[in-house]
Amino acid sequence: MSNIIAYIILILAVILGTAANGFAKSANGFTLLIPSLLTAITIVGCMFTLSIVMKTIPVGITYASFAGLCIVATSIVGIYKFNQVPSLYSIIGLVFIIIGVLMVNLLEKN
């Protein structure tokens, strides 16, 4: 599999992981059936796509990229869906995460 395809699948994993986080918040401690089922389904899909990506991209790079992008994406979902506005320091931290993801992917020499 080419790196381009692997990164496209990684973006799908980030989307599924972010969706899982949003559904988990809506599941209210897994007391609501539909959001709980959606959380489980998206988590399984997320892990499946990550396992495919790890065939091409090293595990550390894959997970660092996934985790960083998922944190940022989940924060954005929190802003729009749950009205959770981050502080200035949180925003600065999120920018650092984005910088870290870019460094790991663009400056890493295999």
C-alpha atoms as a PDB file:
ATOM      1  CA  MET A   1       0.000   0.000   0.000  1.00  0.00           C
ATOM      2  CA  SER A   2       1.315   3.474  -0.810  1.00  0.00           C
ATOM      3  CA  ASN A   3       1.915   6.115   1.843  1.00  0.00           C
ATOM      4  CA  ILE A   4      -0.822   8.299   0.333  1.00  0.00           C
ATOM      5  CA  ILE A   5      -3.425   5.544   0.763  1.00  0.00           C
ATOM      6  CA  ALA A   6      -2.145   4.871   4.293  1.00  0.00           C
ATOM      7  CA  TYR A   7      -2.554   8.546   5.229  1.00  0.00           C
ATOM      8  CA  ILE A   8      -6.057   8.629   3.745  1.00  0.00           C
ATOM      9  CA  ILE A   9      -6.969   5.610   5.887  1.00  0.00           C
ATOM     10  CA  LEU A  10      -5.336   7.350   8.876  1.00  0.00           C
ATOM     11  CA  ILE A  11      -7.646  10.333   8.337  1.00  0.00           C
ATOM     12  CA  LEU A  12     -10.579   7.893   8.317  1.00  0.00           C
ATOM     13  CA  ALA A  13      -9.306   6.489  11.643  1.00  0.00           C
ATOM     14  CA  VAL A  14      -9.178  10.031  13.062  1.00  0.00           C
ATOM     15  CA  ILE A  15     -12.744  10.672  11.896  1.00  0.00           C
ATOM     16  CA  LEU A  16     -13.928   7.414  13.470  1.00  0.00           C
ATOM     17  CA  GLY A  17     -11.995   8.099  16.695  1.00  0.00           C
ATOM     18  CA  THR A  18     -13.411  11.604  16.925  1.00  0.00           C
ATOM     19  CA  ALA A  19     -16.913  10.299  16.291  1.00  0.00           C
ATOM     20  CA  ALA A  20     -16.406   7.678  19.004  1.00  0.00           C
ATOM     21  CA  ASN A  21     -15.399  10.394  21.471  1.00  0.00           C
ATOM     22  CA  GLY A  22     -18.457  12.463  20.618  1.00  0.00           C
ATOM     23  CA  PHE A  23     -20.749   9.459  20.913  1.00  0.00           C
ATOM     24  CA  ALA A  24     -19.129   8.513  24.248  1.00  0.00           C
ATOM     25  CA  LYS A  25     -19.954  11.967  25.628  1.00  0.00           C
ATOM     26  CA  SER A  26     -23.532  11.615  24.358  1.00  0.00           C
ATOM     27  CA  ALA A  27     -23.816   8.088  25.826  1.00  0.00           C
ATOM     28  CA  ASN A  28     -23.970   9.634  29.315  1.00  0.00           C
ATOM     29  CA  GLY A  29     -21.740   7.046  30.977  1.00  0.00           C
ATOM     30  CA  PHE A  30     -23.035   4.298  28.662  1.00  0.00           C
ATOM     31  CA  THR A  31     -26.540   4.642  30.065  1.00  0.00           C
ATOM     32  CA  LEU A  32     -28.098   5.425  26.663  1.00  0.00           C
ATOM     33  CA  LEU A  33     -28.306   2.502  24.229  1.00  0.00           C
ATOM     34  CA  ILE A  34     -27.939   4.116  20.794  1.00  0.00           C
ATOM     35  CA  PRO A  35     -24.989   6.416  21.581  1.00  0.00           C
ATOM     36  CA  SER A  36     -23.331   3.525  23.439  1.00  0.00           C
ATOM     37  CA  LEU A  37     -23.687   1.222  20.422  1.00  0.00           C
ATOM     38  CA  LEU A  38     -22.416   3.954  18.099  1.00  0.00           C
ATOM     39  CA  THR A  39     -19.415   4.436  20.395  1.00  0.00           C
ATOM     40  CA  ALA A  40     -18.586   0.723  20.264  1.00  0.00           C
ATOM     41  CA  ILE A  41     -19.009   0.496  16.488  1.00  0.00           C
ATOM     42  CA  THR A  42     -16.868   3.545  15.763  1.00  0.00           C
ATOM     43  CA  ILE A  43     -14.149   2.412  18.196  1.00  0.00           C
ATOM     44  CA  VAL A  44     -13.916  -0.964  16.455  1.00  0.00           C
ATOM     45  CA  GLY A  45     -13.821   0.739  13.048  1.00  0.00           C
ATOM     46  CA  CYS A  46     -11.157   3.118  14.298  1.00  0.00           C
ATOM     47  CA  MET A  47      -8.918   0.325  15.585  1.00  0.00           C
ATOM     48  CA  PHE A  48      -9.418  -1.662  12.384  1.00  0.00           C
ATOM     49  CA  THR A  49      -8.351   1.266  10.204  1.00  0.00           C
ATOM     50  CA  LEU A  50      -5.363   1.976  12.470  1.00  0.00           C
ATOM     51  CA  SER A  51      -4.232  -1.647  12.112  1.00  0.00           C
ATOM     52  CA  ILE A  52      -4.306  -1.277   8.331  1.00  0.00           C
ATOM     53  CA  VAL A  53      -2.267   1.936   8.480  1.00  0.00           C
ATOM     54  CA  MET A  54       0.340   0.279  10.702  1.00  0.00           C
ATOM     55  CA  LYS A  55       1.175  -2.126   7.866  1.00  0.00           C
ATOM     56  CA  THR A  56       2.740   0.823   6.017  1.00  0.00           C
ATOM     57  CA  ILE A  57       3.538   3.581   8.519  1.00  0.00           C
ATOM     58  CA  PRO A  58       5.577   2.754  11.672  1.00  0.00           C
ATOM     59  CA  VAL A  59       3.446   2.185  14.765  1.00  0.00           C
ATOM     60  CA  GLY A  60       4.890   5.134  16.700  1.00  0.00           C
ATOM     61  CA  ILE A  61       4.323   7.572  13.865  1.00  0.00           C
ATOM     62  CA  THR A  62       0.842   6.190  13.220  1.00  0.00           C
ATOM     63  CA  TYR A  63      -0.288   6.456  16.808  1.00  0.00           C
ATOM     64  CA  ALA A  64       1.340   9.838  17.457  1.00  0.00           C
ATOM     65  CA  SER A  65      -0.385  11.226  14.368  1.00  0.00           C
ATOM     66  CA  PHE A  66      -3.707   9.588  15.236  1.00  0.00           C
ATOM     67  CA  ALA A  67      -3.679  10.714  18.859  1.00  0.00           C
ATOM     68  CA  GLY A  68      -2.650  14.276  18.104  1.00  0.00           C
ATOM     69  CA  LEU A  69      -5.159  14.777  15.309  1.00  0.00           C
ATOM     70  CA  CYS A  70      -7.909  13.061  17.293  1.00  0.00           C
ATOM     71  CA  ILE A  71      -7.278  15.381  20.272  1.00  0.00           C
ATOM     72  CA  VAL A  72      -7.543  18.458  18.067  1.00  0.00           C
ATOM     73  CA  ALA A  73     -10.598  17.159  16.186  1.00  0.00           C
ATOM     74  CA  THR A  74     -12.346  16.147  19.423  1.00  0.00           C
ATOM     75  CA  SER A  75     -11.686  19.610  20.846  1.00  0.00           C
ATOM     76  CA  ILE A  76     -13.327  21.135  17.773  1.00  0.00           C
ATOM     77  CA  VAL A  77     -16.328  18.814  18.199  1.00  0.00           C
ATOM     78  CA  GLY A  78     -16.495  19.899  21.851  1.00  0.00           C
ATOM     79  CA  ILE A  79     -16.654  23.523  20.782  1.00  0.00           C
ATOM     80  CA  TYR A  80     -19.419  23.043  18.214  1.00  0.00           C
ATOM     81  CA  LYS A  81     -21.489  20.230  19.708  1.00  0.00           C
ATOM     82  CA  PHE A  82     -21.093  20.728  23.452  1.00  0.00           C
ATOM     83  CA  ASN A  83     -20.278  24.473  23.707  1.00  0.00           C
ATOM     84  CA  GLN A  84     -16.969  23.716  25.479  1.00  0.00           C
ATOM     85  CA  VAL A  85     -14.784  26.689  24.618  1.00  0.00           C
ATOM     86  CA  PRO A  86     -11.082  26.055  25.375  1.00  0.00           C
ATOM     87  CA  SER A  87      -8.968  28.606  27.227  1.00  0.00           C
ATOM     88  CA  LEU A  88      -6.117  30.488  25.590  1.00  0.00           C
ATOM     89  CA  TYR A  89      -3.605  28.036  27.093  1.00  0.00           C
ATOM     90  CA  SER A  90      -5.589  25.083  25.767  1.00  0.00           C
ATOM     91  CA  ILE A  91      -5.573  26.609  22.293  1.00  0.00           C
ATOM     92  CA  ILE A  92      -1.811  27.161  22.492  1.00  0.00           C
ATOM     93  CA  GLY A  93      -1.398  23.525  23.579  1.00  0.00           C
ATOM     94  CA  LEU A  94      -3.500  22.334  20.643  1.00  0.00           C
ATOM     95  CA  VAL A  95      -1.323  24.368  18.272  1.00  0.00           C
ATOM     96  CA  PHE A  96       1.739  22.659  19.768  1.00  0.00           C
ATOM     97  CA  ILE A  97       0.101  19.279  19.162  1.00  0.00           C
ATOM     98  CA  ILE A  98      -0.471  20.173  15.505  1.00  0.00           C
ATOM     99  CA  ILE A  99       3.155  21.302  15.205  1.00  0.00           C
ATOM    100  CA  GLY A 100       4.275  18.013  16.763  1.00  0.00           C
ATOM    101  CA  VAL A 101       2.191  15.935  14.348  1.00  0.00           C
ATOM    102  CA  LEU A 102       3.633  17.867  11.415  1.00  0.00           C
ATOM    103  CA  MET A 103       7.183  17.433  12.718  1.00  0.00           C
ATOM    104  CA  VAL A 104       6.770  13.694  13.235  1.00  0.00           C
ATOM    105  CA  ASN A 105       5.359  13.184   9.747  1.00  0.00           C
ATOM    106  CA  LEU A 106       7.325  15.665   7.676  1.00  0.00           C
ATOM    107  CA  LEU A 107      10.745  15.609   9.335  1.00  0.00           C
ATOM    108  CA  GLU A 108      10.990  11.900  10.205  1.00  0.00           C
ATOM    109  CA  LYS A 109      13.529  10.027   8.099  1.00  0.00           C
ATOM    110  CA  ASN A 110      12.802   6.335   7.619  1.00  0.00           C
END
